[in-house]
C-alpha atoms as a PDB file:
ATOM      1  CA  UNK A   1     -18.524-205.187  73.383  1.00  0.00           C
ATOM      2  CA  UNK A   2     -18.027-208.816  74.248  1.00  0.00           C
ATOM      3  CA  UNK A   3     -20.887-211.255  74.643  1.00  0.00           C
ATOM      4  CA  UNK A   4     -20.827-213.545  77.619  1.00  0.00           C
ATOM      5  CA  UNK A   5     -20.175-217.209  77.014  1.00  0.00           C
ATOM      6  CA  UNK A   6     -23.806-218.010  77.848  1.00  0.00           C
ATOM      7  CA  UNK A   7     -24.991-215.438  75.292  1.00  0.00           C
ATOM      8  CA  UNK A   8     -22.705-216.892  72.656  1.00  0.00           C
ATOM      9  CA  UNK A   9     -24.078-220.401  73.166  1.00  0.00           C
ATOM     10  CA  UNK A  10     -27.672-219.150  73.213  1.00  0.00           C
ATOM     11  CA  UNK A  11     -27.127-217.308  69.922  1.00  0.00           C
ATOM     12  CA  UNK A  12     -25.353-220.329  68.479  1.00  0.00           C
ATOM     13  CA  UNK A  13     -28.264-222.573  69.448  1.00  0.00           C
ATOM     14  CA  UNK A  14     -30.847-220.131  68.068  1.00  0.00           C
ATOM     15  CA  UNK A  15     -29.097-219.152  64.847  1.00  0.00           C
ATOM     16  CA  UNK A  16     -26.956-222.257  64.281  1.00  0.00           C
ATOM     17  CA  UNK A  17     -25.740-222.405  60.705  1.00  0.00           C
ATOM     18  CA  UNK A  18     -27.339-219.192  59.492  1.00  0.00           C
ATOM     19  CA  UNK A  19     -25.205-216.577  57.811  1.00  0.00           C
ATOM     20  CA  UNK A  20     -25.408-212.994  59.044  1.00  0.00           C
ATOM     21  CA  UNK A  21     -27.633-211.881  56.144  1.00  0.00           C
ATOM     22  CA  UNK A  22     -29.998-214.782  56.876  1.00  0.00           C
ATOM     23  CA  UNK A  23     -30.167-213.820  60.555  1.00  0.00           C
ATOM     24  CA  UNK A  24     -30.860-210.205  59.571  1.00  0.00           C
ATOM     25  CA  UNK A  25     -33.651-211.313  57.222  1.00  0.00           C
ATOM     26  CA  UNK A  26     -35.134-213.582  59.895  1.00  0.00           C
ATOM     27  CA  UNK A  27     -35.170-210.685  62.362  1.00  0.00           C
ATOM     28  CA  UNK A  28     -36.873-208.483  59.745  1.00  0.00           C
ATOM     29  CA  UNK A  29     -39.502-211.155  59.132  1.00  0.00           C
ATOM     30  CA  UNK A  30     -40.084-211.584  62.870  1.00  0.00           C
ATOM     31  CA  UNK A  31     -40.615-207.821  63.217  1.00  0.00           C
ATOM     32  CA  UNK A  32     -42.991-207.783  60.238  1.00  0.00           C
ATOM     33  CA  UNK A  33     -44.873-210.758  61.677  1.00  0.00           C
ATOM     34  CA  UNK A  34     -45.291-208.946  65.007  1.00  0.00           C
ATOM     35  CA  UNK A  35     -46.530-205.819  63.192  1.00  0.00           C
ATOM     36  CA  UNK A  36     -49.042-207.844  61.164  1.00  0.00           C
ATOM     37  CA  UNK A  37     -50.213-209.708  64.258  1.00  0.00           C
ATOM     38  CA  UNK A  38     -50.779-206.375  66.018  1.00  0.00           C
ATOM     39  CA  UNK A  39     -52.698-205.060  62.997  1.00  0.00           C
ATOM     40  CA  UNK A  40     -54.904-208.166  62.952  1.00  0.00           C
ATOM     41  CA  UNK A  41     -55.714-207.713  66.645  1.00  0.00           C
ATOM     42  CA  UNK A  42     -56.601-204.053  66.060  1.00  0.00           C
ATOM     43  CA  UNK A  43     -58.852-204.931  63.118  1.00  0.00           C
ATOM     44  CA  UNK A  44     -60.576-207.700  65.074  1.00  0.00           C
ATOM     45  CA  UNK A  45     -61.233-205.291  67.938  1.00  0.00           C
ATOM     46  CA  UNK A  46     -62.612-202.693  65.496  1.00  0.00           C
ATOM     47  CA  UNK A  47     -64.889-205.336  63.988  1.00  0.00           C
ATOM     48  CA  UNK A  48     -66.210-206.359  67.411  1.00  0.00           C
ATOM     49  CA  UNK A  49     -66.850-202.724  68.362  1.00  0.00           C
ATOM     50  CA  UNK A  50     -68.730-202.079  65.113  1.00  0.00           C
ATOM     51  CA  UNK A  51     -70.734-205.276  65.503  1.00  0.00           C
ATOM     52  CA  UNK A  52     -71.716-204.319  69.048  1.00  0.00           C
ATOM     53  CA  UNK A  53     -72.634-200.785  67.959  1.00  0.00           C
ATOM     54  CA  UNK A  54     -74.745-202.138  65.084  1.00  0.00           C
ATOM     55  CA  UNK A  55     -76.604-204.569  67.312  1.00  0.00           C
ATOM     56  CA  UNK A  56     -77.372-201.770  69.765  1.00  0.00           C
ATOM     57  CA  UNK A  57     -79.115-199.818  67.006  1.00  0.00           C
ATOM     58  CA  UNK A  58     -81.580-202.602  66.194  1.00  0.00           C
END
């Protein structure tokens, strides 16, 4: 599979002087960051729901 010239230059601009293992690690960290961000949103929503439920019982 060949990348288009535009794709090549976009990748080159994004990943510049990184070696393939560094790019792989960066992608892993980006995925982990997204997972943690999603978890934080879920926990914040749970907290707001519990807070609202607790205030309704007063």
